[in-house]
Amino acid sequence: MGKAPFGYANKTTENGKKYIALSEPEASKMKWAFEEISKGIYASNQIRLK
């Protein structure tokens, strides 16, 4: 497993199983960005700069 994307964190369960989990406050920022992109008002590059 590689590095988790922005807004997520690599985690391991007690039995050794690996997974990714939300990592606040970055996860909230990513949710906002995707919601803005879905509105179609701004280009994704403009949202990235915000």
C-alpha atoms as a PDB file:
ATOM      1  CA  MET A   1       0.000   0.000   0.000  1.00  0.00           C
ATOM      2  CA  GLY A   2       1.341   3.441  -0.916  1.00  0.00           C
ATOM      3  CA  LYS A   3       0.901   6.774   0.815  1.00  0.00           C
ATOM      4  CA  ALA A   4      -2.713   7.731   1.455  1.00  0.00           C
ATOM      5  CA  PRO A   5      -4.121  10.671  -0.566  1.00  0.00           C
ATOM      6  CA  PHE A   6      -4.569  14.135   0.983  1.00  0.00           C
ATOM      7  CA  GLY A   7      -7.420  14.007   3.511  1.00  0.00           C
ATOM      8  CA  TYR A   8      -6.794  10.364   4.430  1.00  0.00           C
ATOM      9  CA  ALA A   9      -4.359   8.532   6.709  1.00  0.00           C
ATOM     10  CA  ASN A  10      -2.882   5.035   6.490  1.00  0.00           C
ATOM     11  CA  LYS A  11      -4.087   2.890   9.397  1.00  0.00           C
ATOM     12  CA  THR A  12      -3.620  -0.697  10.554  1.00  0.00           C
ATOM     13  CA  THR A  13      -6.086  -2.801  12.527  1.00  0.00           C
ATOM     14  CA  GLU A  14      -5.044  -4.892  15.534  1.00  0.00           C
ATOM     15  CA  ASN A  15      -4.881  -8.005  13.336  1.00  0.00           C
ATOM     16  CA  GLY A  16      -2.575  -6.289  10.805  1.00  0.00           C
ATOM     17  CA  LYS A  17      -5.095  -5.428   8.073  1.00  0.00           C
ATOM     18  CA  LYS A  18      -4.284  -2.078   6.419  1.00  0.00           C
ATOM     19  CA  TYR A  19      -6.856   0.547   5.422  1.00  0.00           C
ATOM     20  CA  ILE A  20      -7.205   4.282   4.888  1.00  0.00           C
ATOM     21  CA  ALA A  21      -9.318   6.512   7.145  1.00  0.00           C
ATOM     22  CA  LEU A  22     -10.460  10.115   6.990  1.00  0.00           C
ATOM     23  CA  SER A  23      -8.045  12.628   8.475  1.00  0.00           C
ATOM     24  CA  GLU A  24      -9.510  15.924   9.668  1.00  0.00           C
ATOM     25  CA  PRO A  25      -9.267  18.859   8.912  1.00  0.00           C
ATOM     26  CA  GLU A  26      -7.841  17.906   5.495  1.00  0.00           C
ATOM     27  CA  ALA A  27     -10.828  15.670   4.699  1.00  0.00           C
ATOM     28  CA  SER A  28     -13.228  18.603   5.082  1.00  0.00           C
ATOM     29  CA  LYS A  29     -11.132  20.650   2.663  1.00  0.00           C
ATOM     30  CA  MET A  30     -11.237  17.882   0.061  1.00  0.00           C
ATOM     31  CA  LYS A  31     -15.008  17.504   0.471  1.00  0.00           C
ATOM     32  CA  TRP A  32     -15.428  21.252  -0.084  1.00  0.00           C
ATOM     33  CA  ALA A  33     -13.227  21.123  -3.205  1.00  0.00           C
ATOM     34  CA  PHE A  34     -15.201  18.261  -4.761  1.00  0.00           C
ATOM     35  CA  GLU A  35     -18.510  19.976  -3.985  1.00  0.00           C
ATOM     36  CA  GLU A  36     -17.283  23.168  -5.686  1.00  0.00           C
ATOM     37  CA  ILE A  37     -16.119  21.226  -8.750  1.00  0.00           C
ATOM     38  CA  SER A  38     -19.501  19.505  -8.995  1.00  0.00           C
ATOM     39  CA  LYS A  39     -21.265  22.885  -9.115  1.00  0.00           C
ATOM     40  CA  GLY A  40     -19.415  23.655 -12.361  1.00  0.00           C
ATOM     41  CA  ILE A  41     -18.996  27.379 -11.610  1.00  0.00           C
ATOM     42  CA  TYR A  42     -15.202  27.426 -11.359  1.00  0.00           C
ATOM     43  CA  ALA A  43     -12.522  25.409 -13.126  1.00  0.00           C
ATOM     44  CA  SER A  44     -10.751  22.849 -10.970  1.00  0.00           C
ATOM     45  CA  ASN A  45      -7.503  24.844 -11.188  1.00  0.00           C
ATOM     46  CA  GLN A  46      -9.260  27.917  -9.774  1.00  0.00           C
ATOM     47  CA  ILE A  47     -10.602  25.859  -6.872  1.00  0.00           C
ATOM     48  CA  ARG A  48      -7.129  24.396  -6.253  1.00  0.00           C
ATOM     49  CA  LEU A  49      -5.726  27.920  -5.958  1.00  0.00           C
ATOM     50  CA  LYS A  50      -8.407  28.891  -3.417  1.00  0.00           C
END
